[in-house]
Protein backbone atom coordinates (compact mmCIF):
# COMPACT_ATOMS: atom_id res chain seq x y z
CA MET A 1 110.02 185.33 73.21
CA ALA A 2 112.09 182.31 73.94
CA LYS A 3 112.74 184.13 77.17
CA TYR A 4 108.40 184.19 77.79
CA LEU A 5 108.18 180.61 76.93
CA LEU A 6 110.41 178.89 79.75
CA LEU A 7 108.68 182.54 82.36
CA ILE A 8 105.47 180.71 81.56
CA ALA A 9 106.45 176.77 81.65
CA ALA A 10 108.18 177.36 85.14
CA LEU A 11 104.54 179.52 86.45
CA LEU A 12 103.06 176.24 85.12
CA CYS A 13 105.25 173.98 87.13
CA ALA A 14 104.97 176.11 90.33
CA GLY A 15 101.11 176.09 90.19
CA VAL A 16 100.80 172.33 89.50
CA ALA A 17 103.99 171.25 92.25
CA ASN A 18 101.61 173.61 94.73
CA ALA A 19 98.09 171.72 93.80
CA ASP A 20 99.82 168.49 94.41
CA ASN A 21 100.71 169.18 97.99
CA SER A 22 97.26 170.81 98.89
CA LYS A 23 96.31 167.54 97.77
CA ALA A 24 98.15 165.74 100.04
CA HIS A 25 97.23 167.44 103.26
CA ALA A 26 93.76 166.86 102.19
CA PRO A 27 91.49 164.43 103.71
CA THR A 28 91.12 161.49 101.60
CA VAL A 29 87.27 160.84 100.22
CA VAL A 30 86.40 157.06 100.09
CA ASP A 31 82.78 156.35 98.86
CA SER A 32 80.62 155.49 101.95
CA ASP A 33 78.69 152.61 99.20
CA GLY A 34 78.92 149.82 101.79
CA PHE A 35 81.41 148.13 99.78
CA LYS A 36 84.69 149.98 100.46
CA GLU A 37 83.61 150.55 104.08
CA PRO A 38 80.88 148.06 105.14
CA LEU A 39 81.12 148.62 108.77
CA SER A 40 79.64 151.81 108.16
CA LYS A 41 76.88 151.01 107.36
CA LEU A 42 76.14 149.01 110.46
CA LYS A 43 74.84 150.43 113.73
CA PHE A 44 77.53 149.40 116.06
CA ASN A 45 77.74 150.34 119.70
CA PRO A 46 81.45 151.59 119.52
CA GLY A 47 81.33 150.55 124.02
CA LEU A 48 80.72 146.70 122.30
CA ASP A 49 84.10 145.12 123.17
CA GLN A 50 84.68 141.03 121.48
CA ARG A 51 83.46 139.39 124.71
CA GLU A 52 80.45 141.42 124.69
CA PHE A 53 80.00 140.22 120.73
CA GLU A 54 80.60 136.87 121.11
CA ARG A 55 78.22 136.36 124.28
CA SER A 56 75.68 138.41 122.79
CA THR A 57 75.84 136.06 119.45
CA LEU A 58 76.36 133.06 121.84
CA THR A 59 72.70 134.16 123.06
CA ALA A 60 70.61 133.21 119.95
CA LEU A 61 72.78 129.42 119.61
CA ASN A 62 71.59 128.77 123.19
CA ILE A 63 71.18 125.11 123.85
CA TYR A 64 68.45 123.35 126.17
CA ASP A 65 71.10 123.40 129.45
CA PRO A 66 68.85 123.00 132.62
CA LEU A 67 71.88 121.24 134.60
CA GLU A 68 74.63 123.76 133.54
CA SER A 69 75.76 124.84 136.97
CA TRP A 70 77.17 121.63 137.01
CA ASN A 71 78.00 121.00 133.50
CA ARG A 72 80.82 123.76 133.82
CA ARG A 73 81.94 122.12 136.72
CA VAL A 74 82.22 118.75 135.65
CA TYR A 75 83.59 120.67 132.16
CA HIS A 76 86.02 122.70 134.55
CA PHE A 77 87.08 119.01 136.23
CA ASN A 78 88.23 117.65 132.50
CA TYR A 79 89.96 120.31 131.61
CA ARG A 80 92.13 120.06 134.15
CA PHE A 81 92.19 116.09 134.38
CA ASP A 82 93.14 116.54 130.47
CA GLN A 83 96.29 118.89 131.03
CA TRP A 84 97.63 117.49 134.37
CA VAL A 85 96.75 113.38 133.58
CA PHE A 86 95.13 112.81 130.29
CA LEU A 87 97.64 114.53 128.30
CA PRO A 88 100.52 113.49 129.85
CA VAL A 89 100.21 110.03 129.59
CA VAL A 90 99.32 110.50 125.94
CA ASP A 91 102.57 112.41 125.07
CA GLY A 92 104.65 109.52 127.14
CA TYR A 93 102.81 106.54 125.44
CA ARG A 94 103.76 109.27 121.46
CA TYR A 95 107.19 109.22 122.93
CA VAL A 96 107.79 105.39 124.05
CA THR A 97 105.91 104.12 121.32
CA PRO A 98 106.60 103.99 117.69
CA SER A 99 104.38 105.34 114.85
CA PHE A 100 103.67 101.97 113.19
CA LEU A 101 102.60 100.64 116.62
CA ARG A 102 100.42 103.60 117.92
CA THR A 103 98.55 102.98 114.28
CA GLY A 104 98.31 99.23 114.67
CA VAL A 105 96.95 99.79 118.35
CA SER A 106 94.19 102.19 116.51
CA ASN A 107 93.36 100.42 114.02
CA PHE A 108 92.87 97.51 116.19
CA PHE A 109 90.43 99.29 117.97
CA ASN A 110 88.66 101.10 115.57
CA ASN A 111 87.67 97.28 114.47
CA LEU A 112 86.41 96.67 117.65
CA GLY A 113 84.16 99.81 117.23
CA ASP A 114 83.35 99.07 113.94
CA VAL A 115 80.85 96.33 115.60
CA PRO A 116 78.79 98.11 117.34
CA ASN A 117 78.71 100.61 113.81
CA LEU A 118 77.13 97.79 112.31
CA VAL A 119 74.67 96.92 114.63
CA ASN A 120 73.32 100.10 114.56
CA SER A 121 74.05 100.75 110.97
CA LEU A 122 71.78 98.06 110.41
CA LEU A 123 68.78 98.94 113.09
CA GLN A 124 68.90 102.67 111.25
CA LEU A 125 68.13 100.60 108.17
CA LYS A 126 71.00 101.56 106.77
CA GLY A 127 71.56 99.16 103.63
CA HIS A 128 74.77 100.32 101.71
CA ARG A 129 76.16 101.50 105.32
CA SER A 130 75.69 97.95 106.63
CA LEU A 131 77.39 96.09 103.85
CA GLU A 132 80.41 98.38 104.17
CA THR A 133 80.79 98.11 107.35
CA THR A 134 80.59 94.49 107.19
CA GLY A 135 83.21 94.07 104.49
CA ARG A 136 85.44 96.51 106.91
CA LEU A 137 85.23 93.91 109.23
CA LEU A 138 85.36 90.80 107.43
CA LEU A 139 88.74 92.47 105.71
CA ASN A 140 90.14 93.75 108.65
CA THR A 141 89.65 91.56 110.86
CA THR A 142 91.26 88.62 108.09
CA ILE A 143 93.66 90.07 106.20
CA GLY A 144 94.25 92.88 108.29
CA ILE A 145 95.02 90.61 111.40
CA ALA A 146 92.44 91.27 113.87
CA GLY A 147 92.27 95.01 112.86
CA LEU A 148 96.04 95.61 113.07
CA TRP A 149 95.74 96.76 109.73
CA ASP A 150 93.45 98.99 107.50
CA PRO A 151 93.32 97.12 104.12
CA ALA A 152 89.48 98.19 103.78
CA THR A 153 90.11 101.96 104.12
CA ALA A 154 92.72 101.35 101.19
CA MET A 155 89.89 99.56 98.89
CA GLY A 156 87.57 102.51 99.74
CA LEU A 157 85.62 101.26 102.57
CA PRO A 158 85.99 104.21 105.24
CA ARG A 159 84.87 103.84 108.70
CA GLN A 160 81.44 105.05 109.30
CA SER A 161 80.50 106.44 113.13
CA GLU A 162 76.79 105.00 114.15
CA ASP A 163 76.00 104.63 117.75
CA PHE A 164 73.00 104.14 119.83
CA GLY A 165 72.67 107.71 120.48
CA GLN A 166 71.99 108.08 116.76
CA THR A 167 69.46 105.11 116.30
CA LEU A 168 67.25 106.83 119.17
CA GLY A 169 67.70 110.06 117.22
CA PHE A 170 66.66 108.45 113.73
CA TYR A 171 63.74 107.00 115.22
CA GLY A 172 62.81 110.91 116.84
CA VAL A 173 63.84 110.58 120.81
CA PRO A 174 64.74 113.95 121.45
CA GLY A 175 68.27 114.40 122.45
CA GLY A 176 67.21 116.18 126.03
CA ALA A 177 69.58 117.95 128.21
CA TYR A 178 72.68 118.83 127.73
CA LEU A 179 75.32 116.73 129.78
CA VAL A 180 79.10 117.24 130.30
CA LEU A 181 80.45 113.82 131.23
CA PRO A 182 83.57 113.14 133.67
CA ILE A 183 85.91 112.46 130.95
CA PHE A 184 84.09 111.73 128.21
CA GLY A 185 82.71 115.27 127.73
CA PRO A 186 80.15 116.43 126.10
CA SER A 187 76.92 114.41 126.06
CA ASN A 188 73.06 114.76 126.14
CA LEU A 189 70.15 112.30 127.75
CA ARG A 190 69.60 110.13 124.59
CA ASP A 191 73.13 109.52 123.69
CA THR A 192 74.70 109.04 127.52
CA ALA A 193 72.16 106.39 127.68
CA GLY A 194 73.06 105.11 124.08
CA LEU A 195 76.20 105.00 125.37
CA ALA A 196 75.63 102.94 128.21
CA VAL A 197 73.34 100.33 125.43
CA ASP A 198 76.54 100.70 123.14
CA TYR A 199 78.99 99.06 125.56
CA THR A 200 76.86 95.99 126.93
CA ALA A 201 76.32 95.19 123.41
CA GLU A 202 79.90 95.13 122.95
CA SER A 203 80.53 93.17 126.31
CA GLN A 204 77.90 90.46 124.85
CA ILE A 205 78.94 90.33 121.15
CA ASN A 206 82.21 89.75 122.89
CA PHE A 207 84.09 90.39 119.27
CA LEU A 208 87.73 88.56 119.33
CA ASN A 209 86.91 87.72 122.66
CA VAL A 210 88.16 91.12 123.96
CA SER A 211 85.84 92.24 126.23
CA LYS A 212 86.04 88.51 128.78
CA VAL A 213 90.35 89.12 128.77
CA SER A 214 89.48 93.00 129.57
CA GLU A 215 87.82 91.88 132.90
CA ASN A 216 90.96 90.39 134.05
CA HIS A 217 92.99 92.84 132.20
CA PRO A 218 92.20 96.16 132.70
CA GLU A 219 95.11 97.65 131.41
CA ILE A 220 93.38 96.99 127.72
CA TRP A 221 90.52 99.11 128.58
CA ALA A 222 93.31 101.81 129.79
CA LEU A 223 95.10 101.41 126.36
CA ARG A 224 92.27 102.37 124.69
CA ALA A 225 91.37 105.20 126.70
CA VAL A 226 94.95 106.78 126.13
CA ASP A 227 94.49 106.00 121.98
CA LYS A 228 90.88 107.61 122.11
CA ARG A 229 92.58 110.82 123.47
CA TYR A 230 95.42 110.09 121.34
CA GLN A 231 92.98 109.88 118.07
CA THR A 232 91.09 113.30 119.09
CA SER A 233 92.69 116.20 118.16
CA PHE A 234 90.55 118.47 120.47
CA ARG A 235 92.52 120.49 123.53
CA TYR A 236 90.77 122.76 125.57
CA GLY A 237 91.60 126.09 125.49
CA GLN A 238 91.95 125.90 122.22
CA MET A 239 89.52 128.35 120.76
CA ASN A 240 91.33 131.02 123.24
CA SER A 241 87.80 132.12 124.33
CA PRO A 242 85.76 132.87 127.61
CA PHE A 243 82.71 131.25 125.88
CA GLU A 244 84.10 127.71 125.37
CA TYR A 245 81.83 125.67 126.75
CA GLU A 246 78.95 127.40 125.32
CA LYS A 247 80.81 126.74 121.74
CA VAL A 248 81.45 123.56 122.52
CA ARG A 249 77.75 122.70 123.30
CA TYR A 250 76.44 124.31 120.00
CA VAL A 251 78.91 122.81 117.99
CA TYR A 252 77.98 119.27 119.59
CA THR A 253 74.29 119.81 119.85
CA GLU A 254 75.20 120.51 115.73
CA SER A 255 76.83 117.79 115.04
CA ARG A 256 74.82 115.00 116.50
CA LYS A 257 71.54 116.51 114.25
CA LEU A 258 74.01 115.89 111.32
CA GLN A 259 75.42 112.81 111.99
CA ILE A 260 71.72 111.47 112.50
CA ALA A 261 70.33 113.63 109.18
CA GLU A 262 73.14 111.42 107.38
């Protein structure tokens, strides 16, 4: 009797093993419920590569750019200038100056920039922001020794960015055609006009006599330009996309809308 039981057990084990082995070679069936295989529910063109996908996506994000041919040339110039001139100078500046000195330079120029920030906050009737910027100017210019230090931020008064382009947008002036400025980068007709107004206003206010002194010392403007690039994290080519121009154009346009609306 025991022999028969052993024989039956052996046959059952062999059957289970064969069944498992057959399952190993069987195709795996996955429920096409759209969750495990979401792409199966999409009507996808297998011949559509990544670049075509980006192009079709960015077409939906089109920005008014009648000067695109010219803007692309300027964008390419900015890319080469940044690669061959601006960034090497910034790297040299970073190499020869200690971090505390670079921070002091940035704080100083940021303090100067709070003057047009205050003017534009007042023009936009932003009372709370105007008070905060006024407090920043008073604290950083006095306790911070002409802005070399930034005690205002430590006291809960972060720096706000307001310009005349935003002021014009606040009162309903449209951005107009997209424009790429040499060196300065993305802009539009409204913001370019605002940039000129801000520059003129800062020169006329002549806060801390910097604008007047800079007329005979252009190296101050050069240092300010280098510091501005030093504080800007954007790098040409970092998107690793042939449609970087379109992406930058879209991001700039949308970010300006958000800045105006806040």
